[in-house]
PDB file of N, CA and C in Angstrom:
ATOM      1  N   MET A   1      75.093  73.309  95.456  1.00  0.00           N
ATOM      2  CA  MET A   1      75.891  74.338  94.805  1.00  0.00           C
ATOM      3  C   MET A   1      75.107  75.633  94.684  1.00  0.00           C
ATOM      4  N   ASP A   2      73.779  75.536  94.643  1.00  0.00           N
ATOM      5  CA  ASP A   2      72.960  76.739  94.545  1.00  0.00           C
ATOM      6  C   ASP A   2      73.139  77.627  95.771  1.00  0.00           C
ATOM      7  N   PHE A   3      73.344  76.996  96.924  1.00  0.00           N
ATOM      8  CA  PHE A   3      73.521  77.787  98.148  1.00  0.00           C
ATOM      9  C   PHE A   3      74.751  78.670  98.045  1.00  0.00           C
ATOM     10  N   LEU A   4      75.876  78.112  97.588  1.00  0.00           N
ATOM     11  CA  LEU A   4      77.107  78.891  97.462  1.00  0.00           C
ATOM     12  C   LEU A   4      76.959  79.992  96.423  1.00  0.00           C
ATOM     13  N   THR A   5      76.291  79.695  95.317  1.00  0.00           N
ATOM     14  CA  THR A   5      76.097  80.697  94.265  1.00  0.00           C
ATOM     15  C   THR A   5      75.257  81.854  94.782  1.00  0.00           C
ATOM     16  N   ASN A   6      74.189  81.541  95.507  1.00  0.00           N
ATOM     17  CA  ASN A   6      73.345  82.597  96.064  1.00  0.00           C
ATOM     18  C   ASN A   6      74.089  83.413  97.115  1.00  0.00           C
ATOM     19  N   LEU A   7      74.924  82.761  97.894  1.00  0.00           N
ATOM     20  CA  LEU A   7      75.683  83.464  98.928  1.00  0.00           C
ATOM     21  C   LEU A   7      76.651  84.461  98.301  1.00  0.00           C
ATOM     22  N   VAL A   8      77.346  84.039  97.265  1.00  0.00           N
ATOM     23  CA  VAL A   8      78.314  84.922  96.601  1.00  0.00           C
ATOM     24  C   VAL A   8      77.586  86.063  95.900  1.00  0.00           C
ATOM     25  N   ASN A   9      76.452  85.795  95.298  1.00  0.00           N
ATOM     26  CA  ASN A   9      75.710  86.835  94.583  1.00  0.00           C
ATOM     27  C   ASN A   9      75.092  87.851  95.533  1.00  0.00           C
ATOM     28  N   ASN A  10      74.748  87.434  96.743  1.00  0.00           N
ATOM     29  CA  ASN A  10      74.099  88.339  97.684  1.00  0.00           C
ATOM     30  C   ASN A  10      75.091  89.194  98.460  1.00  0.00           C
ATOM     31  N   LEU A  11      76.372  88.815  98.495  1.00  0.00           N
ATOM     32  CA  LEU A  11      77.362  89.613  99.200  1.00  0.00           C
ATOM     33  C   LEU A  11      77.632  90.884  98.405  1.00  0.00           C
ATOM     34  N   ASN A  12      77.559  91.996  99.105  1.00  0.00           N
ATOM     35  CA  ASN A  12      77.822  93.275  98.461  1.00  0.00           C
ATOM     36  C   ASN A  12      79.262  93.673  98.792  1.00  0.00           C
ATOM     37  N   PHE A  13      80.165  93.360  97.872  1.00  0.00           N
ATOM     38  CA  PHE A  13      81.586  93.565  98.135  1.00  0.00           C
ATOM     39  C   PHE A  13      81.932  95.046  98.238  1.00  0.00           C
ATOM     40  N   GLU A  14      81.201  95.889  97.531  1.00  0.00           N
ATOM     41  CA  GLU A  14      81.460  97.326  97.618  1.00  0.00           C
ATOM     42  C   GLU A  14      81.150  97.838  99.018  1.00  0.00           C
ATOM     43  N   ALA A  15      80.047  97.391  99.593  1.00  0.00           N
ATOM     44  CA  ALA A  15      79.687  97.813 100.946  1.00  0.00           C
ATOM     45  C   ALA A  15      80.703  97.288 101.955  1.00  0.00           C
ATOM     46  N   ILE A  16      81.168  96.057 101.769  1.00  0.00           N
ATOM     47  CA  ILE A  16      82.157  95.486 102.674  1.00  0.00           C
ATOM     48  C   ILE A  16      83.452  96.283 102.595  1.00  0.00           C
ATOM     49  N   LEU A  17      83.860  96.651 101.381  1.00  0.00           N
ATOM     50  CA  LEU A  17      85.088  97.433 101.209  1.00  0.00           C
ATOM     51  C   LEU A  17      84.956  98.812 101.846  1.00  0.00           C
ATOM     52  N   GLN A  18      83.808  99.447 101.674  1.00  0.00           N
ATOM     53  CA  GLN A  18      83.598 100.768 102.258  1.00  0.00           C
ATOM     54  C   GLN A  18      83.608 100.708 103.779  1.00  0.00           C
ATOM     55  N   LEU A  19      82.976  99.699 104.352  1.00  0.00           N
ATOM     56  CA  LEU A  19      82.971  99.559 105.807  1.00  0.00           C
ATOM     57  C   LEU A  19      84.367  99.264 106.341  1.00  0.00           C
ATOM     58  N   THR A  20      85.153  98.504 105.584  1.00  0.00           N
ATOM     59  CA  THR A  20      86.523  98.209 105.998  1.00  0.00           C
ATOM     60  C   THR A  20      87.358  99.481 106.003  1.00  0.00           C
ATOM     61  N   CYS A  21      87.229 100.291 104.948  1.00  0.00           N
ATOM     62  CA  CYS A  21      87.982 101.552 104.893  1.00  0.00           C
ATOM     63  C   CYS A  21      87.541 102.489 106.013  1.00  0.00           C
ATOM     64  N   LEU A  22      86.255 102.547 106.286  1.00  0.00           N
ATOM     65  CA  LEU A  22      85.757 103.393 107.367  1.00  0.00           C
ATOM     66  C   LEU A  22      86.323 102.943 108.706  1.00  0.00           C
ATOM     67  N   ALA A  23      86.355 101.641 108.923  1.00  0.00           N
ATOM     68  CA  ALA A  23      86.897 101.116 110.178  1.00  0.00           C
ATOM     69  C   ALA A  23      88.375 101.472 110.320  1.00  0.00           C
ATOM     70  N   LEU A  24      89.139 101.392 109.222  1.00  0.00           N
ATOM     71  CA  LEU A  24      90.558 101.740 109.290  1.00  0.00           C
ATOM     72  C   LEU A  24      90.752 103.207 109.647  1.00  0.00           C
ATOM     73  N   VAL A  25      89.936 104.074 109.079  1.00  0.00           N
ATOM     74  CA  VAL A  25      90.054 105.503 109.366  1.00  0.00           C
ATOM     75  C   VAL A  25      89.674 105.785 110.812  1.00  0.00           C
ATOM     76  N   VAL A  26      88.597 105.158 111.282  1.00  0.00           N
ATOM     77  CA  VAL A  26      88.121 105.405 112.648  1.00  0.00           C
ATOM     78  C   VAL A  26      89.129 104.893 113.670  1.00  0.00           C
ATOM     79  N   ILE A  27      89.738 103.746 113.397  1.00  0.00           N
ATOM     80  CA  ILE A  27      90.691 103.163 114.341  1.00  0.00           C
ATOM     81  C   ILE A  27      92.024 103.906 114.317  1.00  0.00           C
ATOM     82  N   SER A  28      92.402 104.453 113.161  1.00  0.00           N
ATOM     83  CA  SER A  28      93.716 105.084 113.054  1.00  0.00           C
ATOM     84  C   SER A  28      93.822 106.358 113.888  1.00  0.00           C
ATOM     85  N   GLY A  29      92.724 107.056 114.112  1.00  0.00           N
ATOM     86  CA  GLY A  29      92.767 108.285 114.902  1.00  0.00           C
ATOM     87  C   GLY A  29      93.271 108.062 116.314  1.00  0.00           C
ATOM     88  N   PRO A  30      92.617 107.224 117.103  1.00  0.00           N
ATOM     89  CA  PRO A  30      93.110 106.956 118.456  1.00  0.00           C
ATOM     90  C   PRO A  30      94.504 106.330 118.485  1.00  0.00           C
ATOM     91  N   VAL A  31      94.852 105.552 117.472  1.00  0.00           N
ATOM     92  CA  VAL A  31      96.183 104.952 117.428  1.00  0.00           C
ATOM     93  C   VAL A  31      97.244 106.044 117.310  1.00  0.00           C
ATOM     94  N   VAL A  32      96.995 107.036 116.458  1.00  0.00           N
ATOM     95  CA  VAL A  32      97.949 108.133 116.301  1.00  0.00           C
ATOM     96  C   VAL A  32      98.078 108.917 117.607  1.00  0.00           C
ATOM     97  N   ILE A  33      96.957 109.195 118.253  1.00  0.00           N
ATOM     98  CA  ILE A  33      96.991 109.925 119.524  1.00  0.00           C
ATOM     99  C   ILE A  33      97.766 109.129 120.569  1.00  0.00           C
ATOM    100  N   PHE A  34      97.539 107.828 120.632  1.00  0.00           N
ATOM    101  CA  PHE A  34      98.254 106.995 121.597  1.00  0.00           C
ATOM    102  C   PHE A  34      99.758 106.994 121.322  1.00  0.00           C
ATOM    103  N   LEU A  35     100.135 106.894 120.045  1.00  0.00           N
ATOM    104  CA  LEU A  35     101.556 106.892 119.710  1.00  0.00           C
ATOM    105  C   LEU A  35     102.194 108.231 120.052  1.00  0.00           C
ATOM    106  N   LEU A  36     101.496 109.324 119.815  1.00  0.00           N
ATOM    107  CA  LEU A  36     102.021 110.638 120.182  1.00  0.00           C
ATOM    108  C   LEU A  36     102.213 110.730 121.693  1.00  0.00           C
ATOM    109  N   ALA A  37     101.247 110.267 122.446  1.00  0.00           N
ATOM    110  CA  ALA A  37     101.368 110.317 123.907  1.00  0.00           C
ATOM    111  C   ALA A  37     102.502 109.420 124.390  1.00  0.00           C
ATOM    112  N   ALA A  38     102.658 108.271 123.785  1.00  0.00           N
ATOM    113  CA  ALA A  38     103.703 107.334 124.207  1.00  0.00           C
ATOM    114  C   ALA A  38     105.092 107.885 123.919  1.00  0.00           C
ATOM    115  N   ARG A  39     105.201 108.672 122.847  1.00  0.00           N
ATOM    116  CA  ARG A  39     106.514 109.235 122.487  1.00  0.00           C
ATOM    117  C   ARG A  39     106.749 110.598 123.109  1.00  0.00           C
ATOM    118  N   GLY A  40     105.876 111.033 123.954  1.00  0.00           N
ATOM    119  CA  GLY A  40     106.053 112.311 124.623  1.00  0.00           C
ATOM    120  C   GLY A  40     105.632 113.501 123.774  1.00  0.00           C
ATOM    121  N   GLY A  41     104.854 113.283 122.747  1.00  0.00           N
ATOM    122  CA  GLY A  41     104.350 114.367 121.918  1.00  0.00           C
ATOM    123  C   GLY A  41     105.241 114.747 120.760  1.00  0.00           C
ATOM    124  N   ASP A  42     106.350 114.037 120.590  1.00  0.00           N
ATOM    125  CA  ASP A  42     107.251 114.334 119.474  1.00  0.00           C
ATOM    126  C   ASP A  42     106.976 113.390 118.317  1.00  0.00           C
ATOM    127  N   LEU A  43     106.830 113.975 117.133  1.00  0.00           N
ATOM    128  CA  LEU A  43     106.706 113.151 115.951  1.00  0.00           C
ATOM    129  C   LEU A  43     108.080 112.714 115.464  1.00  0.00           C
TER     130      LEU A  43
END
């Protein structure tokens, strides 16, 4: 049980959340450009 307790205590959930938000922002840019190109440039 000590292994699981140490694993949970060592995980930095704030860093994981920040990296997840950063990934969403970085991925959303090309997705928007692709959708604009697919629709012929019309929003």
